[in-house]
Amino acid sequence: MTVPNKLRLLPWSGPEGKPCYLSTDERGGYISRLADNVEAVQLGTAAELLEEASETLSDRDEAALDEMRRLAKELSEALRDVLRVAISRGHLLAVDEPHL
């Protein structure tokens, strides 16, 4: 018995900001590998921003308002990307988990 084809939420948006999905049973295909690589970059960027935020917040007297706004905007974008990755991987985990 084969597992039914499940949609994978991709780590980028389509026109008008709508989510993009991949419909395939092939885990090693080109688009799947591309999505894996984009997710890795997004997670790496989020980790770097978290480090920058920690440093900036620990030096409150020196942080300019414009710098804090930029950091907040970038952290919001990174959080959106990381949430999309978590949702996508959560769906993949749900598909891969054995049903008892």
C-alpha atoms as a PDB file:
ATOM      1  CA  MET A   1       0.000   0.000   0.000  1.00  0.00           C
ATOM      2  CA  THR A   2       1.442   3.383  -0.943  1.00  0.00           C
ATOM      3  CA  VAL A   3       1.165   6.557   1.086  1.00  0.00           C
ATOM      4  CA  PRO A   4      -1.043   9.124  -0.639  1.00  0.00           C
ATOM      5  CA  ASN A   5       0.679  12.127  -2.181  1.00  0.00           C
ATOM      6  CA  LYS A   6       0.876  14.990   0.330  1.00  0.00           C
ATOM      7  CA  LEU A   7       1.449  18.658  -0.388  1.00  0.00           C
ATOM      8  CA  ARG A   8       4.632  20.253   0.901  1.00  0.00           C
ATOM      9  CA  LEU A   9       4.485  23.899   1.918  1.00  0.00           C
ATOM     10  CA  LEU A  10       7.405  25.559   0.147  1.00  0.00           C
ATOM     11  CA  PRO A  11       9.582  28.195   1.852  1.00  0.00           C
ATOM     12  CA  TRP A  12       8.604  30.954  -0.570  1.00  0.00           C
ATOM     13  CA  SER A  13       5.398  32.682  -1.551  1.00  0.00           C
ATOM     14  CA  GLY A  14       3.721  32.903  -4.905  1.00  0.00           C
ATOM     15  CA  PRO A  15       1.987  35.816  -6.539  1.00  0.00           C
ATOM     16  CA  GLU A  16       0.212  38.134  -4.142  1.00  0.00           C
ATOM     17  CA  GLY A  17       1.991  36.483  -1.196  1.00  0.00           C
ATOM     18  CA  LYS A  18      -0.004  33.271  -1.445  1.00  0.00           C
ATOM     19  CA  PRO A  19       1.627  30.047  -0.192  1.00  0.00           C
ATOM     20  CA  CYS A  20       3.237  27.672  -2.690  1.00  0.00           C
ATOM     21  CA  TYR A  21       2.951  23.914  -2.405  1.00  0.00           C
ATOM     22  CA  LEU A  22       4.765  21.013  -4.015  1.00  0.00           C
ATOM     23  CA  SER A  23       2.824  17.907  -4.918  1.00  0.00           C
ATOM     24  CA  THR A  24       5.156  14.954  -5.316  1.00  0.00           C
ATOM     25  CA  ASP A  25       6.030  11.631  -3.753  1.00  0.00           C
ATOM     26  CA  GLU A  26       9.695  12.168  -4.671  1.00  0.00           C
ATOM     27  CA  ARG A  27      11.706  13.515  -1.702  1.00  0.00           C
ATOM     28  CA  GLY A  28      14.960  13.912  -3.646  1.00  0.00           C
ATOM     29  CA  GLY A  29      13.619  15.847  -6.617  1.00  0.00           C
ATOM     30  CA  TYR A  30      15.008  19.184  -7.767  1.00  0.00           C
ATOM     31  CA  ILE A  31      12.310  21.363  -6.185  1.00  0.00           C
ATOM     32  CA  SER A  32      12.422  19.390  -2.927  1.00  0.00           C
ATOM     33  CA  ARG A  33      16.201  19.849  -2.717  1.00  0.00           C
ATOM     34  CA  LEU A  34      15.865  23.540  -3.608  1.00  0.00           C
ATOM     35  CA  ALA A  35      13.263  23.979  -0.874  1.00  0.00           C
ATOM     36  CA  ASP A  36      15.536  22.183   1.626  1.00  0.00           C
ATOM     37  CA  ASN A  37      18.399  24.540   0.725  1.00  0.00           C
ATOM     38  CA  VAL A  38      16.216  27.662   0.990  1.00  0.00           C
ATOM     39  CA  GLU A  39      14.953  26.479   4.390  1.00  0.00           C
ATOM     40  CA  ALA A  40      18.542  25.956   5.571  1.00  0.00           C
ATOM     41  CA  VAL A  41      19.454  29.502   4.520  1.00  0.00           C
ATOM     42  CA  GLN A  42      16.345  30.899   6.225  1.00  0.00           C
ATOM     43  CA  LEU A  43      17.139  29.086   9.468  1.00  0.00           C
ATOM     44  CA  GLY A  44      20.762  30.252   9.318  1.00  0.00           C
ATOM     45  CA  THR A  45      19.661  33.849   8.778  1.00  0.00           C
ATOM     46  CA  ALA A  46      17.304  33.607  11.753  1.00  0.00           C
ATOM     47  CA  ALA A  47      20.133  32.319  13.955  1.00  0.00           C
ATOM     48  CA  GLU A  48      22.392  35.198  12.874  1.00  0.00           C
ATOM     49  CA  LEU A  49      19.646  37.748  13.540  1.00  0.00           C
ATOM     50  CA  LEU A  50      19.011  36.260  16.961  1.00  0.00           C
ATOM     51  CA  GLU A  51      22.685  36.690  17.808  1.00  0.00           C
ATOM     52  CA  GLU A  52      22.629  40.279  16.511  1.00  0.00           C
ATOM     53  CA  ALA A  53      19.483  41.022  18.523  1.00  0.00           C
ATOM     54  CA  SER A  54      21.073  39.658  21.687  1.00  0.00           C
ATOM     55  CA  GLU A  55      24.137  41.845  21.190  1.00  0.00           C
ATOM     56  CA  THR A  56      22.088  44.936  20.326  1.00  0.00           C
ATOM     57  CA  LEU A  57      19.743  44.534  23.277  1.00  0.00           C
ATOM     58  CA  SER A  58      22.590  43.994  25.713  1.00  0.00           C
ATOM     59  CA  ASP A  59      24.005  47.391  24.688  1.00  0.00           C
ATOM     60  CA  ARG A  60      20.788  49.446  25.121  1.00  0.00           C
ATOM     61  CA  ASP A  61      22.541  52.790  25.573  1.00  0.00           C
ATOM     62  CA  GLU A  62      24.199  52.574  22.153  1.00  0.00           C
ATOM     63  CA  ALA A  63      21.326  51.185  20.060  1.00  0.00           C
ATOM     64  CA  ALA A  64      19.719  53.851  17.886  1.00  0.00           C
ATOM     65  CA  LEU A  65      15.974  53.834  17.264  1.00  0.00           C
ATOM     66  CA  ASP A  66      16.484  53.286  13.530  1.00  0.00           C
ATOM     67  CA  GLU A  67      18.733  50.303  14.245  1.00  0.00           C
ATOM     68  CA  MET A  68      16.122  48.815  16.574  1.00  0.00           C
ATOM     69  CA  ARG A  69      13.383  49.283  13.965  1.00  0.00           C
ATOM     70  CA  ARG A  70      15.496  47.616  11.268  1.00  0.00           C
ATOM     71  CA  LEU A  71      16.302  44.757  13.601  1.00  0.00           C
ATOM     72  CA  ALA A  72      12.635  44.327  14.572  1.00  0.00           C
ATOM     73  CA  LYS A  73      11.623  44.263  10.879  1.00  0.00           C
ATOM     74  CA  GLU A  74      14.294  41.690  10.003  1.00  0.00           C
ATOM     75  CA  LEU A  75      13.425  39.556  13.032  1.00  0.00           C
ATOM     76  CA  SER A  76       9.743  39.626  12.018  1.00  0.00           C
ATOM     77  CA  GLU A  77      10.635  38.464   8.505  1.00  0.00           C
ATOM     78  CA  ALA A  78      12.907  35.736   9.866  1.00  0.00           C
ATOM     79  CA  LEU A  79      10.235  34.581  12.311  1.00  0.00           C
ATOM     80  CA  ARG A  80       7.736  34.336   9.432  1.00  0.00           C
ATOM     81  CA  ASP A  81      10.220  32.199   7.464  1.00  0.00           C
ATOM     82  CA  VAL A  82      11.034  29.968  10.433  1.00  0.00           C
ATOM     83  CA  LEU A  83       7.339  29.491  11.181  1.00  0.00           C
ATOM     84  CA  ARG A  84       6.749  28.460   7.563  1.00  0.00           C
ATOM     85  CA  VAL A  85       9.626  25.946   7.831  1.00  0.00           C
ATOM     86  CA  ALA A  86       8.213  24.587  11.115  1.00  0.00           C
ATOM     87  CA  ILE A  87       4.748  24.201   9.605  1.00  0.00           C
ATOM     88  CA  SER A  88       6.132  22.511   6.505  1.00  0.00           C
ATOM     89  CA  ARG A  89       8.334  20.136   8.475  1.00  0.00           C
ATOM     90  CA  GLY A  90       5.524  19.441  10.910  1.00  0.00           C
ATOM     91  CA  HIS A  91       3.359  18.336   8.004  1.00  0.00           C
ATOM     92  CA  LEU A  92       6.200  16.175   6.697  1.00  0.00           C
ATOM     93  CA  LEU A  93       6.670  14.608  10.122  1.00  0.00           C
ATOM     94  CA  ALA A  94       2.962  13.868  10.354  1.00  0.00           C
ATOM     95  CA  VAL A  95       3.145  12.077   6.999  1.00  0.00           C
ATOM     96  CA  ASP A  96       6.267  10.113   7.955  1.00  0.00           C
ATOM     97  CA  GLU A  97       5.082   8.995  11.389  1.00  0.00           C
ATOM     98  CA  PRO A  98       3.847   5.428  11.462  1.00  0.00           C
ATOM     99  CA  HIS A  99       0.180   5.009  12.234  1.00  0.00           C
ATOM    100  CA  LEU A 100      -0.329   2.596  15.099  1.00  0.00           C
END
